[in-house]
Amino acid sequence: MPPSYAHEGDAGADLRASEAVQLQPGQRALVGTGVSIALPDGYAAFVVPRSGLAAKHGITVVNSPGTVDAGYRGEIKVTLLNTDTEHTFAVEIGDRIAQMIVMPVSRAVFIPVDELSESVRGANGFGSTGISS
């Protein structure tokens, strides 16, 4: 089944499972969608979790966002993870398991330098702005 948008204006098109899988608590599985696409140069597709599966069942996409490059022609598969510590989750054929967002992408030119220009943030990284303002 081809990807489809659930509502007018949605950014993500639903990807559906082409195979049935039982995800035990803490287990991950690579689930086929039966979908292959040909994107034009300058575009990529990003596979992301469905919020309802995450909130209601603890199902997420491990390598989110998964990147589908313009040159890739194989089947799009989704690595699902069951984060629920108690309940098995059944994926049935046709279930919506992830969303795919197609976007234009830029290609950077990487230039080695000895040092970078200064900025207000500097090298402050993970957690540097705290939790509350």
N, C-alpha and C. Protein backbone atom coordinates (compact mmCIF):
# COMPACT_ATOMS: atom_id res chain seq x y z
N MET A 1 0.85 -1.18 0.00
CA MET A 1 0.00 0.00 0.00
C MET A 1 0.90 1.25 0.00
N PRO A 2 0.64 2.20 -0.87
CA PRO A 2 1.49 3.39 -0.93
C PRO A 2 1.31 4.26 0.32
N PRO A 3 2.32 5.08 0.64
CA PRO A 3 2.16 6.02 1.75
C PRO A 3 0.96 6.92 1.49
N SER A 4 0.31 7.37 2.56
CA SER A 4 -0.84 8.25 2.39
C SER A 4 -0.92 9.22 3.57
N TYR A 5 -1.47 10.39 3.28
CA TYR A 5 -1.68 11.42 4.30
C TYR A 5 -3.06 11.22 4.92
N ALA A 6 -3.12 11.25 6.25
CA ALA A 6 -4.39 11.04 6.94
C ALA A 6 -5.29 12.27 6.84
N HIS A 7 -4.69 13.46 6.86
CA HIS A 7 -5.47 14.70 6.85
C HIS A 7 -4.86 15.71 5.88
N GLU A 8 -5.68 16.58 5.38
CA GLU A 8 -5.22 17.70 4.54
C GLU A 8 -4.20 18.52 5.34
N GLY A 9 -3.09 18.83 4.75
CA GLY A 9 -2.09 19.65 5.41
C GLY A 9 -1.09 18.88 6.26
N ASP A 10 -1.24 17.54 6.40
CA ASP A 10 -0.28 16.75 7.18
C ASP A 10 1.10 16.78 6.53
N ALA A 11 2.14 16.85 7.34
CA ALA A 11 3.51 16.81 6.83
C ALA A 11 3.97 15.38 6.60
N GLY A 12 3.51 14.46 7.45
CA GLY A 12 3.95 13.08 7.38
C GLY A 12 2.93 12.18 6.70
N ALA A 13 3.42 11.37 5.77
CA ALA A 13 2.59 10.36 5.12
C ALA A 13 2.78 9.04 5.86
N ASP A 14 1.69 8.36 6.16
CA ASP A 14 1.76 7.11 6.91
C ASP A 14 2.38 6.00 6.09
N LEU A 15 3.29 5.26 6.74
CA LEU A 15 3.86 4.04 6.20
C LEU A 15 3.20 2.88 6.91
N ARG A 16 2.83 1.84 6.18
CA ARG A 16 2.13 0.69 6.74
C ARG A 16 3.00 -0.56 6.69
N ALA A 17 2.79 -1.43 7.65
CA ALA A 17 3.54 -2.69 7.72
C ALA A 17 3.10 -3.63 6.60
N SER A 18 4.08 -4.26 5.97
CA SER A 18 3.78 -5.27 4.96
C SER A 18 3.97 -6.68 5.52
N GLU A 19 4.25 -6.76 6.81
CA GLU A 19 4.44 -8.04 7.48
C GLU A 19 3.98 -7.93 8.93
N ALA A 20 3.61 -9.06 9.51
CA ALA A 20 3.19 -9.10 10.91
C ALA A 20 4.39 -9.41 11.79
N VAL A 21 4.47 -8.71 12.92
CA VAL A 21 5.59 -8.87 13.85
C VAL A 21 5.06 -8.76 15.27
N GLN A 22 5.59 -9.57 16.17
CA GLN A 22 5.31 -9.45 17.60
C GLN A 22 6.53 -8.81 18.25
N LEU A 23 6.33 -7.64 18.85
CA LEU A 23 7.43 -6.95 19.54
C LEU A 23 7.29 -7.18 21.04
N GLN A 24 8.18 -8.00 21.57
CA GLN A 24 8.20 -8.25 23.01
C GLN A 24 8.69 -7.00 23.73
N PRO A 25 8.44 -6.87 25.03
CA PRO A 25 8.96 -5.71 25.78
C PRO A 25 10.46 -5.55 25.56
N GLY A 26 10.87 -4.33 25.19
CA GLY A 26 12.28 -4.03 24.97
C GLY A 26 12.84 -4.53 23.66
N GLN A 27 12.05 -5.21 22.86
CA GLN A 27 12.54 -5.79 21.60
C GLN A 27 12.42 -4.79 20.45
N ARG A 28 13.33 -4.92 19.48
CA ARG A 28 13.26 -4.13 18.25
C ARG A 28 13.17 -5.09 17.07
N ALA A 29 12.61 -4.60 15.98
CA ALA A 29 12.49 -5.41 14.77
C ALA A 29 12.48 -4.51 13.55
N LEU A 30 13.07 -4.99 12.48
CA LEU A 30 13.05 -4.30 11.20
C LEU A 30 11.79 -4.75 10.46
N VAL A 31 10.88 -3.81 10.22
CA VAL A 31 9.57 -4.13 9.66
C VAL A 31 9.47 -3.55 8.25
N GLY A 32 9.14 -4.40 7.31
CA GLY A 32 8.99 -3.97 5.92
C GLY A 32 7.72 -3.18 5.71
N THR A 33 7.76 -2.30 4.70
CA THR A 33 6.58 -1.52 4.33
C THR A 33 6.09 -1.88 2.93
N GLY A 34 6.90 -2.59 2.16
CA GLY A 34 6.55 -2.89 0.79
C GLY A 34 6.64 -1.69 -0.14
N VAL A 35 7.22 -0.59 0.35
CA VAL A 35 7.28 0.67 -0.41
C VAL A 35 8.72 0.96 -0.82
N SER A 36 8.89 1.27 -2.09
CA SER A 36 10.15 1.80 -2.61
C SER A 36 9.80 3.09 -3.34
N ILE A 37 10.67 4.08 -3.25
CA ILE A 37 10.40 5.37 -3.88
C ILE A 37 11.63 5.84 -4.66
N ALA A 38 11.41 6.74 -5.60
CA ALA A 38 12.49 7.38 -6.34
C ALA A 38 12.34 8.88 -6.15
N LEU A 39 13.16 9.44 -5.28
CA LEU A 39 13.14 10.88 -5.02
C LEU A 39 14.05 11.60 -6.00
N PRO A 40 13.70 12.82 -6.39
CA PRO A 40 14.62 13.58 -7.24
C PRO A 40 15.82 14.08 -6.44
N ASP A 41 16.91 14.33 -7.13
CA ASP A 41 18.08 14.93 -6.47
C ASP A 41 17.65 16.19 -5.74
N GLY A 42 18.24 16.42 -4.59
CA GLY A 42 17.91 17.60 -3.80
C GLY A 42 16.78 17.36 -2.80
N TYR A 43 16.29 16.11 -2.73
CA TYR A 43 15.23 15.76 -1.78
C TYR A 43 15.67 14.54 -0.97
N ALA A 44 15.09 14.41 0.21
CA ALA A 44 15.27 13.22 1.05
C ALA A 44 13.95 12.98 1.77
N ALA A 45 13.76 11.75 2.18
CA ALA A 45 12.59 11.42 3.00
C ALA A 45 13.10 11.04 4.38
N PHE A 46 12.36 11.43 5.40
CA PHE A 46 12.74 11.14 6.78
C PHE A 46 11.63 10.33 7.43
N VAL A 47 11.99 9.17 7.97
CA VAL A 47 11.04 8.27 8.61
C VAL A 47 11.06 8.54 10.11
N VAL A 48 9.89 8.89 10.65
CA VAL A 48 9.76 9.28 12.05
C VAL A 48 8.65 8.48 12.72
N PRO A 49 8.66 8.44 14.07
CA PRO A 49 7.62 7.71 14.79
C PRO A 49 6.25 8.34 14.63
N ARG A 50 5.23 7.54 14.88
CA ARG A 50 3.85 8.05 14.95
C ARG A 50 3.58 8.38 16.42
N SER A 51 3.11 9.58 16.68
CA SER A 51 2.92 10.03 18.07
C SER A 51 1.95 9.15 18.84
N GLY A 52 0.89 8.67 18.20
CA GLY A 52 -0.08 7.83 18.90
C GLY A 52 0.51 6.51 19.34
N LEU A 53 1.33 5.88 18.49
CA LEU A 53 1.97 4.63 18.88
C LEU A 53 2.93 4.85 20.04
N ALA A 54 3.64 5.96 20.02
CA ALA A 54 4.59 6.26 21.09
C ALA A 54 3.86 6.52 22.40
N ALA A 55 2.84 7.37 22.37
CA ALA A 55 2.14 7.76 23.60
C ALA A 55 1.31 6.62 24.18
N LYS A 56 0.62 5.87 23.33
CA LYS A 56 -0.30 4.84 23.81
C LYS A 56 0.36 3.48 24.05
N HIS A 57 1.42 3.18 23.29
CA HIS A 57 1.99 1.83 23.35
C HIS A 57 3.50 1.79 23.56
N GLY A 58 4.17 2.94 23.56
CA GLY A 58 5.62 2.95 23.74
C GLY A 58 6.39 2.47 22.54
N ILE A 59 5.78 2.54 21.35
CA ILE A 59 6.45 2.08 20.12
C ILE A 59 7.09 3.28 19.44
N THR A 60 8.39 3.16 19.15
CA THR A 60 9.11 4.25 18.52
C THR A 60 9.99 3.72 17.40
N VAL A 61 10.58 4.63 16.65
CA VAL A 61 11.52 4.28 15.58
C VAL A 61 12.92 4.49 16.15
N VAL A 62 13.73 3.44 16.12
CA VAL A 62 15.05 3.47 16.77
C VAL A 62 15.95 4.55 16.20
N ASN A 63 16.13 4.60 14.92
CA ASN A 63 17.08 5.52 14.31
C ASN A 63 16.38 6.77 13.77
N SER A 64 15.47 7.30 14.55
CA SER A 64 14.66 8.41 14.09
C SER A 64 15.45 9.72 14.07
N PRO A 65 15.39 10.49 13.01
CA PRO A 65 14.72 10.11 11.78
C PRO A 65 15.59 9.21 10.92
N GLY A 66 14.96 8.20 10.35
CA GLY A 66 15.65 7.38 9.36
C GLY A 66 15.69 8.16 8.05
N THR A 67 16.81 8.18 7.40
CA THR A 67 16.97 8.98 6.19
C THR A 67 16.90 8.11 4.94
N VAL A 68 16.04 8.50 4.01
CA VAL A 68 15.97 7.85 2.70
C VAL A 68 16.56 8.83 1.70
N ASP A 69 17.72 8.50 1.18
CA ASP A 69 18.41 9.37 0.23
C ASP A 69 17.79 9.27 -1.16
N ALA A 70 18.00 10.30 -1.96
CA ALA A 70 17.44 10.35 -3.31
C ALA A 70 17.90 9.19 -4.18
N GLY A 71 19.09 8.69 -3.97
CA GLY A 71 19.61 7.61 -4.80
C GLY A 71 19.17 6.22 -4.37
N TYR A 72 18.53 6.08 -3.21
CA TYR A 72 18.12 4.76 -2.70
C TYR A 72 16.89 4.26 -3.44
N ARG A 73 16.92 3.00 -3.85
CA ARG A 73 15.80 2.43 -4.60
C ARG A 73 15.24 1.16 -3.96
N GLY A 74 15.73 0.79 -2.79
CA GLY A 74 15.24 -0.41 -2.12
C GLY A 74 13.99 -0.15 -1.31
N GLU A 75 13.49 -1.22 -0.68
CA GLU A 75 12.30 -1.12 0.16
C GLU A 75 12.60 -0.28 1.41
N ILE A 76 11.66 0.57 1.76
CA ILE A 76 11.77 1.33 3.02
C ILE A 76 11.34 0.40 4.14
N LYS A 77 12.26 0.17 5.08
CA LYS A 77 11.97 -0.64 6.26
C LYS A 77 12.11 0.24 7.48
N VAL A 78 11.37 -0.09 8.52
CA VAL A 78 11.32 0.73 9.73
C VAL A 78 11.79 -0.11 10.91
N THR A 79 12.78 0.39 11.65
CA THR A 79 13.24 -0.31 12.85
C THR A 79 12.41 0.16 14.03
N LEU A 80 11.44 -0.67 14.41
CA LEU A 80 10.56 -0.34 15.53
C LEU A 80 11.14 -0.88 16.83
N LEU A 81 10.90 -0.15 17.92
CA LEU A 81 11.33 -0.56 19.26
C LEU A 81 10.15 -0.47 20.20
N ASN A 82 9.91 -1.54 20.96
CA ASN A 82 8.87 -1.55 21.98
C ASN A 82 9.51 -1.14 23.30
N THR A 83 9.26 0.10 23.73
CA THR A 83 9.85 0.59 24.98
C THR A 83 9.03 0.20 26.20
N ASP A 84 7.86 -0.40 25.99
CA ASP A 84 7.03 -0.84 27.11
C ASP A 84 7.76 -1.99 27.82
N THR A 85 7.82 -1.94 29.13
CA THR A 85 8.56 -2.95 29.90
C THR A 85 7.72 -4.16 30.26
N GLU A 86 6.40 -4.12 29.95
CA GLU A 86 5.53 -5.23 30.35
C GLU A 86 4.74 -5.87 29.22
N HIS A 87 4.36 -5.11 28.20
CA HIS A 87 3.41 -5.60 27.21
C HIS A 87 4.03 -5.82 25.83
N THR A 88 3.66 -6.95 25.24
CA THR A 88 4.01 -7.24 23.85
C THR A 88 3.12 -6.39 22.95
N PHE A 89 3.67 -5.94 21.82
CA PHE A 89 2.89 -5.17 20.86
C PHE A 89 2.85 -5.94 19.54
N ALA A 90 1.64 -6.15 19.04
CA ALA A 90 1.45 -6.87 17.78
C ALA A 90 1.33 -5.89 16.63
N VAL A 91 2.20 -6.04 15.65
CA VAL A 91 2.11 -5.28 14.40
C VAL A 91 1.46 -6.20 13.38
N GLU A 92 0.35 -5.75 12.81
CA GLU A 92 -0.36 -6.54 11.81
C GLU A 92 -0.14 -5.92 10.42
N ILE A 93 -0.27 -6.73 9.40
CA ILE A 93 -0.14 -6.23 8.03
C ILE A 93 -1.17 -5.12 7.81
N GLY A 94 -0.70 -4.00 7.30
CA GLY A 94 -1.57 -2.85 7.04
C GLY A 94 -1.59 -1.82 8.16
N ASP A 95 -1.01 -2.16 9.33
CA ASP A 95 -0.96 -1.19 10.43
C ASP A 95 -0.06 -0.01 10.06
N ARG A 96 -0.47 1.19 10.45
CA ARG A 96 0.37 2.37 10.27
C ARG A 96 1.46 2.32 11.33
N ILE A 97 2.72 2.26 10.90
CA ILE A 97 3.82 2.06 11.85
C ILE A 97 4.78 3.23 11.95
N ALA A 98 4.75 4.15 11.00
CA ALA A 98 5.66 5.30 11.01
C ALA A 98 5.12 6.33 10.03
N GLN A 99 5.77 7.49 10.02
CA GLN A 99 5.44 8.53 9.05
C GLN A 99 6.69 8.87 8.25
N MET A 100 6.47 9.30 7.02
CA MET A 100 7.57 9.70 6.16
C MET A 100 7.35 11.15 5.73
N ILE A 101 8.37 11.96 5.94
CA ILE A 101 8.31 13.37 5.57
C ILE A 101 9.31 13.60 4.43
N VAL A 102 8.84 14.09 3.30
CA VAL A 102 9.69 14.37 2.15
C VAL A 102 10.03 15.85 2.15
N MET A 103 11.32 16.16 2.06
CA MET A 103 11.77 17.55 2.15
C MET A 103 12.92 17.83 1.20
N PRO A 104 13.02 19.08 0.75
CA PRO A 104 14.24 19.47 0.03
C PRO A 104 15.40 19.53 1.02
N VAL A 105 16.57 19.18 0.56
CA VAL A 105 17.76 19.22 1.42
C VAL A 105 18.89 19.96 0.71
N SER A 106 19.71 20.61 1.51
CA SER A 106 20.89 21.31 0.98
C SER A 106 22.11 20.44 1.18
N ARG A 107 23.07 20.59 0.31
CA ARG A 107 24.35 19.90 0.49
C ARG A 107 25.37 20.94 0.93
N ALA A 108 26.04 20.64 2.02
CA ALA A 108 27.04 21.55 2.56
C ALA A 108 28.39 21.33 1.88
N VAL A 109 29.20 22.35 1.93
CA VAL A 109 30.59 22.25 1.52
C VAL A 109 31.40 22.35 2.80
N PHE A 110 32.15 21.29 3.11
CA PHE A 110 32.91 21.24 4.36
C PHE A 110 34.34 21.70 4.10
N ILE A 111 34.76 22.71 4.87
CA ILE A 111 36.09 23.29 4.69
C ILE A 111 36.84 23.18 6.01
N PRO A 112 37.94 22.44 6.05
CA PRO A 112 38.73 22.35 7.29
C PRO A 112 39.33 23.71 7.65
N VAL A 113 39.25 24.05 8.94
CA VAL A 113 39.85 25.29 9.44
C VAL A 113 40.59 24.98 10.74
N ASP A 114 41.49 25.86 11.13
CA ASP A 114 42.24 25.67 12.37
C ASP A 114 41.42 26.07 13.59
N GLU A 115 40.53 27.05 13.43
CA GLU A 115 39.67 27.45 14.54
C GLU A 115 38.39 28.06 13.99
N LEU A 116 37.36 28.08 14.84
CA LEU A 116 36.06 28.60 14.44
C LEU A 116 35.86 30.00 15.00
N SER A 117 34.98 30.76 14.37
CA SER A 117 34.64 32.09 14.89
C SER A 117 33.90 31.93 16.22
N GLU A 118 33.93 32.97 17.03
CA GLU A 118 33.27 32.97 18.33
C GLU A 118 31.75 33.09 18.14
N SER A 119 31.00 32.57 19.12
CA SER A 119 29.55 32.75 19.16
C SER A 119 29.11 32.86 20.61
N VAL A 120 27.91 33.31 20.84
CA VAL A 120 27.40 33.44 22.21
C VAL A 120 27.34 32.07 22.88
N ARG A 121 26.91 31.06 22.17
CA ARG A 121 26.78 29.71 22.74
C ARG A 121 28.13 29.05 22.93
N GLY A 122 29.04 29.27 22.01
CA GLY A 122 30.35 28.64 22.11
C GLY A 122 30.26 27.13 22.01
N ALA A 123 31.00 26.42 22.86
CA ALA A 123 31.03 24.96 22.84
C ALA A 123 30.02 24.34 23.81
N ASN A 124 29.15 25.17 24.42
CA ASN A 124 28.17 24.62 25.35
C ASN A 124 27.18 23.72 24.62
N GLY A 125 27.03 22.51 25.10
CA GLY A 125 26.20 21.52 24.42
C GLY A 125 25.08 20.99 25.28
N PHE A 126 25.00 19.67 25.37
CA PHE A 126 23.92 18.95 26.02
C PHE A 126 23.57 19.53 27.40
N GLY A 127 22.34 20.02 27.53
CA GLY A 127 21.84 20.51 28.81
C GLY A 127 22.37 21.88 29.22
N SER A 128 23.05 22.57 28.33
CA SER A 128 23.68 23.83 28.72
C SER A 128 22.68 24.94 29.02
N THR A 129 21.44 24.83 28.54
CA THR A 129 20.46 25.88 28.82
C THR A 129 19.54 25.52 29.97
N GLY A 130 19.71 24.35 30.57
CA GLY A 130 18.91 23.95 31.73
C GLY A 130 17.52 23.48 31.33
N ILE A 131 16.65 23.34 32.34
CA ILE A 131 15.30 22.83 32.12
C ILE A 131 14.28 23.96 32.08
N SER A 132 14.38 24.90 32.99
CA SER A 132 13.41 25.99 33.01
C SER A 132 14.13 27.31 32.75
N SER A 133 13.34 28.31 32.32
CA SER A 133 13.95 29.59 31.96
C SER A 133 14.16 30.47 33.16
